[in-house]
Amino acid sequence: MSHAIYDAWVELMGWMEEYAGKNGLTFDREADFPAFIYRLHREWKLPTRTMVVSLSRENDEPFFMAAVSQPDDELKHVSLRAPGAHLHWHAHEHGGHLELPGGVKLDREKLFSLIEKARSSWMVSV
């Protein structure tokens, strides 16, 4: 099994954590892979155990969430959502990086622009 999407996922989580730190937000790990939880002390081959992360203001609901497919899923992807703002994107691994529909590379700057869009939409709806 290729770990390329999970390597890209680890990088994306790092960018989200960086964004949170620069903007006074909270970066949270929301969920681990169920397979990791049930394995307990047995060997785990992926570079992370984290399946879902979020960004929020301190003591507030998340305004941006990201999740990666489970290892047994046939078509793996990363899902980016802005709860309540009806914003949703999917990215697939392509050549070692994540790519949005239309061949748009999901790099640090693109992710930050999607987070900004979610954040401004969320601020309007609050």
N, C-alpha and C. Protein backbone atom coordinates (compact mmCIF):
# COMPACT_ATOMS: atom_id res chain seq x y z
N MET A 1 0.85 -1.18 0.00
CA MET A 1 0.00 0.00 0.00
C MET A 1 0.89 1.24 0.00
N SER A 2 0.56 2.18 -0.87
CA SER A 2 1.28 3.45 -0.92
C SER A 2 0.83 4.35 0.22
N HIS A 3 1.78 5.01 0.84
CA HIS A 3 1.47 5.94 1.92
C HIS A 3 1.48 7.38 1.44
N ALA A 4 1.56 7.61 0.14
CA ALA A 4 1.71 8.96 -0.39
C ALA A 4 0.61 9.91 0.08
N ILE A 5 -0.63 9.46 0.07
CA ILE A 5 -1.71 10.37 0.51
C ILE A 5 -1.58 10.69 2.00
N TYR A 6 -1.09 9.74 2.78
CA TYR A 6 -0.95 9.98 4.22
C TYR A 6 0.26 10.87 4.52
N ASP A 7 1.30 10.77 3.70
CA ASP A 7 2.43 11.70 3.83
C ASP A 7 1.97 13.12 3.51
N ALA A 8 1.16 13.26 2.44
CA ALA A 8 0.61 14.58 2.06
C ALA A 8 -0.33 15.08 3.15
N TRP A 9 -1.09 14.18 3.76
CA TRP A 9 -2.01 14.52 4.86
C TRP A 9 -1.24 15.07 6.06
N VAL A 10 -0.13 14.44 6.41
CA VAL A 10 0.69 14.92 7.52
C VAL A 10 1.19 16.34 7.23
N GLU A 11 1.60 16.58 5.98
CA GLU A 11 2.05 17.92 5.60
C GLU A 11 0.90 18.93 5.72
N LEU A 12 -0.29 18.56 5.23
CA LEU A 12 -1.45 19.44 5.32
C LEU A 12 -1.80 19.77 6.77
N MET A 13 -1.74 18.77 7.65
CA MET A 13 -2.02 19.03 9.06
C MET A 13 -1.01 20.01 9.64
N GLY A 14 0.24 19.90 9.22
CA GLY A 14 1.26 20.84 9.67
C GLY A 14 0.96 22.26 9.23
N TRP A 15 0.47 22.42 8.01
CA TRP A 15 0.10 23.75 7.50
C TRP A 15 -1.07 24.31 8.30
N MET A 16 -2.05 23.45 8.60
CA MET A 16 -3.20 23.91 9.39
C MET A 16 -2.75 24.35 10.79
N GLU A 17 -1.86 23.60 11.38
CA GLU A 17 -1.35 23.96 12.70
C GLU A 17 -0.57 25.27 12.64
N GLU A 18 0.19 25.46 11.57
CA GLU A 18 0.92 26.72 11.36
C GLU A 18 -0.05 27.89 11.23
N TYR A 19 -1.11 27.71 10.43
CA TYR A 19 -2.12 28.75 10.24
C TYR A 19 -2.76 29.11 11.59
N ALA A 20 -3.10 28.11 12.37
CA ALA A 20 -3.72 28.34 13.67
C ALA A 20 -2.79 29.16 14.56
N GLY A 21 -1.53 28.79 14.59
CA GLY A 21 -0.57 29.50 15.43
C GLY A 21 -0.39 30.95 15.04
N LYS A 22 -0.39 31.22 13.73
CA LYS A 22 -0.21 32.58 13.24
C LYS A 22 -1.45 33.46 13.44
N ASN A 23 -2.61 32.82 13.61
CA ASN A 23 -3.87 33.57 13.65
C ASN A 23 -4.61 33.46 14.98
N GLY A 24 -3.94 32.96 16.00
CA GLY A 24 -4.55 32.87 17.32
C GLY A 24 -5.74 31.92 17.37
N LEU A 25 -5.69 30.85 16.59
CA LEU A 25 -6.78 29.88 16.54
C LEU A 25 -6.37 28.59 17.23
N THR A 26 -7.32 27.70 17.40
CA THR A 26 -7.07 26.40 18.00
C THR A 26 -7.06 25.34 16.92
N PHE A 27 -6.01 24.54 16.89
CA PHE A 27 -5.89 23.38 16.00
C PHE A 27 -6.14 22.16 16.88
N ASP A 28 -7.15 21.35 16.52
CA ASP A 28 -7.50 20.18 17.31
C ASP A 28 -7.49 18.91 16.49
N ARG A 29 -7.05 17.83 17.12
CA ARG A 29 -7.22 16.50 16.53
C ARG A 29 -8.59 16.03 16.98
N GLU A 30 -9.48 15.83 16.03
CA GLU A 30 -10.87 15.45 16.36
C GLU A 30 -11.05 13.94 16.43
N ALA A 31 -10.34 13.19 15.59
CA ALA A 31 -10.55 11.74 15.56
C ALA A 31 -9.32 11.03 15.01
N ASP A 32 -9.09 9.85 15.56
CA ASP A 32 -8.05 8.96 15.05
C ASP A 32 -8.70 7.90 14.17
N PHE A 33 -7.88 7.21 13.38
CA PHE A 33 -8.40 6.11 12.58
C PHE A 33 -8.94 5.02 13.51
N PRO A 34 -10.16 4.54 13.27
CA PRO A 34 -10.69 3.45 14.10
C PRO A 34 -9.74 2.25 14.12
N ALA A 35 -9.10 1.95 12.99
CA ALA A 35 -8.19 0.81 12.95
C ALA A 35 -7.01 1.02 13.89
N PHE A 36 -6.55 2.26 14.06
CA PHE A 36 -5.47 2.54 15.00
C PHE A 36 -5.95 2.31 16.43
N ILE A 37 -7.14 2.80 16.73
CA ILE A 37 -7.68 2.69 18.09
C ILE A 37 -7.83 1.22 18.48
N TYR A 38 -8.36 0.41 17.57
CA TYR A 38 -8.62 -0.99 17.90
C TYR A 38 -7.37 -1.84 17.89
N ARG A 39 -6.31 -1.37 17.24
CA ARG A 39 -5.06 -2.15 17.20
C ARG A 39 -4.30 -2.06 18.52
N LEU A 40 -4.50 -0.96 19.23
CA LEU A 40 -3.83 -0.68 20.50
C LEU A 40 -2.32 -0.80 20.36
N HIS A 41 -1.71 -1.83 20.86
CA HIS A 41 -0.25 -1.90 20.90
C HIS A 41 0.36 -2.65 19.72
N ARG A 42 -0.44 -3.00 18.75
CA ARG A 42 0.12 -3.69 17.58
C ARG A 42 0.71 -2.68 16.60
N GLU A 43 1.54 -3.17 15.71
CA GLU A 43 2.24 -2.31 14.75
C GLU A 43 1.27 -1.48 13.91
N TRP A 44 1.65 -0.20 13.66
CA TRP A 44 0.87 0.73 12.84
C TRP A 44 1.80 1.26 11.75
N LYS A 45 1.43 1.09 10.49
CA LYS A 45 2.36 1.39 9.41
C LYS A 45 2.21 2.78 8.79
N LEU A 46 1.12 3.48 9.06
CA LEU A 46 0.94 4.81 8.47
C LEU A 46 1.73 5.86 9.24
N PRO A 47 2.05 7.00 8.58
CA PRO A 47 2.84 8.02 9.27
C PRO A 47 2.06 8.84 10.30
N THR A 48 0.79 8.57 10.46
CA THR A 48 -0.03 9.29 11.44
C THR A 48 -1.18 8.39 11.89
N ARG A 49 -1.70 8.69 13.06
CA ARG A 49 -2.90 8.01 13.54
C ARG A 49 -4.13 8.90 13.38
N THR A 50 -3.92 10.17 13.03
CA THR A 50 -4.98 11.17 13.00
C THR A 50 -5.77 11.13 11.70
N MET A 51 -7.09 11.08 11.82
CA MET A 51 -7.97 11.02 10.66
C MET A 51 -8.74 12.32 10.43
N VAL A 52 -9.05 13.08 11.48
CA VAL A 52 -9.83 14.31 11.35
C VAL A 52 -9.21 15.39 12.25
N VAL A 53 -9.07 16.61 11.68
CA VAL A 53 -8.56 17.76 12.44
C VAL A 53 -9.46 18.96 12.18
N SER A 54 -9.35 19.97 13.05
CA SER A 54 -10.19 21.15 12.87
C SER A 54 -9.47 22.42 13.31
N LEU A 55 -10.02 23.54 12.87
CA LEU A 55 -9.60 24.87 13.30
C LEU A 55 -10.80 25.58 13.90
N SER A 56 -10.57 26.29 15.00
CA SER A 56 -11.65 27.05 15.63
C SER A 56 -11.04 28.19 16.44
N ARG A 57 -11.92 29.10 16.86
CA ARG A 57 -11.50 30.06 17.87
C ARG A 57 -11.54 29.31 19.20
N GLU A 58 -10.81 29.80 20.18
CA GLU A 58 -10.78 29.14 21.49
C GLU A 58 -12.19 29.02 22.04
N ASN A 59 -12.52 27.83 22.53
CA ASN A 59 -13.84 27.53 23.13
C ASN A 59 -15.00 27.79 22.18
N ASP A 60 -14.81 27.50 20.90
CA ASP A 60 -15.87 27.72 19.91
C ASP A 60 -15.97 26.51 18.99
N GLU A 61 -17.04 26.48 18.22
CA GLU A 61 -17.24 25.41 17.23
C GLU A 61 -16.20 25.52 16.12
N PRO A 62 -15.77 24.40 15.54
CA PRO A 62 -14.84 24.48 14.41
C PRO A 62 -15.47 25.20 13.21
N PHE A 63 -14.67 26.00 12.53
CA PHE A 63 -15.14 26.63 11.30
C PHE A 63 -14.50 25.98 10.08
N PHE A 64 -13.51 25.11 10.29
CA PHE A 64 -12.84 24.42 9.19
C PHE A 64 -12.42 23.04 9.67
N MET A 65 -12.77 22.02 8.89
CA MET A 65 -12.41 20.64 9.24
C MET A 65 -11.78 19.95 8.05
N ALA A 66 -10.85 19.07 8.33
CA ALA A 66 -10.20 18.27 7.29
C ALA A 66 -10.17 16.82 7.75
N ALA A 67 -10.39 15.92 6.81
CA ALA A 67 -10.39 14.49 7.11
C ALA A 67 -9.76 13.73 5.95
N VAL A 68 -9.13 12.63 6.26
CA VAL A 68 -8.53 11.79 5.22
C VAL A 68 -9.23 10.43 5.24
N SER A 69 -9.27 9.79 4.09
CA SER A 69 -9.90 8.47 3.97
C SER A 69 -9.17 7.44 4.82
N GLN A 70 -9.90 6.42 5.19
CA GLN A 70 -9.31 5.33 5.94
C GLN A 70 -8.46 4.45 5.02
N PRO A 71 -7.50 3.74 5.58
CA PRO A 71 -6.60 2.93 4.76
C PRO A 71 -7.30 1.90 3.88
N ASP A 72 -8.44 1.34 4.32
CA ASP A 72 -9.11 0.32 3.48
C ASP A 72 -9.98 0.91 2.39
N ASP A 73 -10.21 2.21 2.41
CA ASP A 73 -11.04 2.83 1.36
C ASP A 73 -10.35 2.68 0.00
N GLU A 74 -11.14 2.34 -1.00
CA GLU A 74 -10.58 2.13 -2.33
C GLU A 74 -10.14 3.44 -2.98
N LEU A 75 -11.01 4.45 -2.95
CA LEU A 75 -10.68 5.75 -3.54
C LEU A 75 -10.37 6.72 -2.42
N LYS A 76 -9.10 6.93 -2.18
CA LYS A 76 -8.67 7.75 -1.05
C LYS A 76 -8.69 9.23 -1.42
N HIS A 77 -9.05 10.07 -0.44
CA HIS A 77 -9.09 11.51 -0.67
C HIS A 77 -9.00 12.24 0.66
N VAL A 78 -8.77 13.53 0.57
CA VAL A 78 -8.82 14.41 1.73
C VAL A 78 -10.04 15.30 1.52
N SER A 79 -10.85 15.40 2.54
CA SER A 79 -12.06 16.21 2.51
C SER A 79 -11.83 17.46 3.35
N LEU A 80 -12.14 18.62 2.80
CA LEU A 80 -12.03 19.90 3.51
C LEU A 80 -13.43 20.49 3.59
N ARG A 81 -13.86 20.86 4.80
CA ARG A 81 -15.22 21.36 4.98
C ARG A 81 -15.25 22.58 5.88
N ALA A 82 -16.22 23.43 5.59
CA ALA A 82 -16.52 24.57 6.46
C ALA A 82 -17.94 24.35 6.97
N PRO A 83 -18.09 23.73 8.14
CA PRO A 83 -19.43 23.43 8.66
C PRO A 83 -20.29 24.69 8.76
N GLY A 84 -21.51 24.59 8.28
CA GLY A 84 -22.43 25.72 8.35
C GLY A 84 -22.28 26.72 7.22
N ALA A 85 -21.20 26.67 6.50
CA ALA A 85 -20.98 27.63 5.41
C ALA A 85 -21.22 26.99 4.04
N HIS A 86 -21.52 25.71 4.01
CA HIS A 86 -21.78 24.99 2.76
C HIS A 86 -20.59 25.03 1.81
N LEU A 87 -19.40 25.03 2.37
CA LEU A 87 -18.18 24.97 1.57
C LEU A 87 -17.56 23.59 1.78
N HIS A 88 -17.17 22.95 0.66
CA HIS A 88 -16.66 21.59 0.74
C HIS A 88 -15.75 21.34 -0.47
N TRP A 89 -14.57 20.81 -0.20
CA TRP A 89 -13.63 20.49 -1.27
C TRP A 89 -13.08 19.08 -1.04
N HIS A 90 -12.73 18.41 -2.14
CA HIS A 90 -12.05 17.11 -2.08
C HIS A 90 -10.71 17.24 -2.79
N ALA A 91 -9.70 16.59 -2.24
CA ALA A 91 -8.39 16.56 -2.88
C ALA A 91 -7.93 15.11 -2.94
N HIS A 92 -7.25 14.77 -4.02
CA HIS A 92 -6.69 13.43 -4.20
C HIS A 92 -5.18 13.54 -4.33
N GLU A 93 -4.49 12.48 -3.96
CA GLU A 93 -3.03 12.45 -4.09
C GLU A 93 -2.67 12.34 -5.56
N HIS A 94 -1.71 13.14 -5.97
CA HIS A 94 -1.24 13.11 -7.35
C HIS A 94 0.25 13.45 -7.35
N GLY A 95 1.08 12.49 -7.64
CA GLY A 95 2.52 12.73 -7.72
C GLY A 95 3.15 13.17 -6.41
N GLY A 96 2.62 12.69 -5.29
CA GLY A 96 3.20 13.02 -4.00
C GLY A 96 2.61 14.25 -3.32
N HIS A 97 1.69 14.92 -3.99
CA HIS A 97 1.02 16.07 -3.36
C HIS A 97 -0.48 15.93 -3.54
N LEU A 98 -1.23 16.78 -2.87
CA LEU A 98 -2.69 16.76 -2.99
C LEU A 98 -3.13 17.69 -4.10
N GLU A 99 -4.17 17.28 -4.80
CA GLU A 99 -4.68 18.05 -5.94
C GLU A 99 -6.19 18.17 -5.84
N LEU A 100 -6.67 19.39 -6.00
CA LEU A 100 -8.11 19.67 -6.04
C LEU A 100 -8.63 19.41 -7.45
N PRO A 101 -9.95 19.36 -7.64
CA PRO A 101 -10.49 19.17 -8.98
C PRO A 101 -9.94 20.22 -9.95
N GLY A 102 -9.79 19.81 -11.20
CA GLY A 102 -9.26 20.72 -12.22
C GLY A 102 -7.74 20.78 -12.23
N GLY A 103 -7.09 19.88 -11.48
CA GLY A 103 -5.64 19.85 -11.45
C GLY A 103 -5.00 20.95 -10.63
N VAL A 104 -5.76 21.57 -9.72
CA VAL A 104 -5.22 22.64 -8.87
C VAL A 104 -4.47 22.01 -7.70
N LYS A 105 -3.18 22.32 -7.60
CA LYS A 105 -2.35 21.78 -6.53
C LYS A 105 -2.77 22.39 -5.19
N LEU A 106 -2.99 21.53 -4.21
CA LEU A 106 -3.33 21.99 -2.87
C LEU A 106 -2.02 22.17 -2.10
N ASP A 107 -1.44 23.35 -2.25
CA ASP A 107 -0.22 23.67 -1.52
C ASP A 107 -0.57 24.54 -0.32
N ARG A 108 0.42 24.98 0.40
CA ARG A 108 0.23 25.77 1.62
C ARG A 108 -0.59 27.03 1.35
N GLU A 109 -0.24 27.76 0.30
CA GLU A 109 -0.94 29.02 -0.01
C GLU A 109 -2.39 28.77 -0.39
N LYS A 110 -2.64 27.73 -1.18
CA LYS A 110 -4.01 27.41 -1.57
C LYS A 110 -4.84 27.00 -0.35
N LEU A 111 -4.24 26.18 0.52
CA LEU A 111 -4.95 25.78 1.74
C LEU A 111 -5.29 27.01 2.58
N PHE A 112 -4.32 27.91 2.76
CA PHE A 112 -4.58 29.11 3.55
C PHE A 112 -5.70 29.94 2.93
N SER A 113 -5.78 30.00 1.60
CA SER A 113 -6.85 30.78 0.97
C SER A 113 -8.21 30.10 1.19
N LEU A 114 -8.26 28.76 1.18
CA LEU A 114 -9.51 28.05 1.46
C LEU A 114 -9.92 28.27 2.92
N ILE A 115 -8.96 28.25 3.82
CA ILE A 115 -9.26 28.49 5.24
C ILE A 115 -9.79 29.91 5.42
N GLU A 116 -9.17 30.87 4.75
CA GLU A 116 -9.64 32.27 4.83
C GLU A 116 -11.07 32.39 4.32
N LYS A 117 -11.36 31.70 3.23
CA LYS A 117 -12.72 31.72 2.67
C LYS A 117 -13.70 31.13 3.68
N ALA A 118 -13.33 30.01 4.29
CA ALA A 118 -14.19 29.38 5.30
C ALA A 118 -14.35 30.28 6.52
N ARG A 119 -13.26 30.88 6.92
CA ARG A 119 -13.28 31.74 8.10
C ARG A 119 -14.17 32.97 7.88
N SER A 120 -14.06 33.60 6.72
CA SER A 120 -14.89 34.78 6.46
C SER A 120 -16.36 34.39 6.30
N SER A 121 -16.65 33.25 5.69
CA SER A 121 -18.03 32.78 5.56
C SER A 121 -18.60 32.45 6.93
N TRP A 122 -17.78 31.86 7.77
CA TRP A 122 -18.22 31.49 9.12
C TRP A 122 -18.49 32.74 9.94
N MET A 123 -17.63 33.75 9.83
CA MET A 123 -17.80 34.98 10.59
C MET A 123 -19.10 35.70 10.21
N VAL A 124 -19.50 35.60 8.94
CA VAL A 124 -20.73 36.22 8.48
C VAL A 124 -21.94 35.48 9.04
N SER A 125 -21.84 34.16 9.16
CA SER A 125 -23.00 33.37 9.58
C SER A 125 -23.17 33.32 11.10
N VAL A 126 -22.19 33.80 11.87
CA VAL A 126 -22.28 33.75 13.33
C VAL A 126 -23.12 34.90 13.84
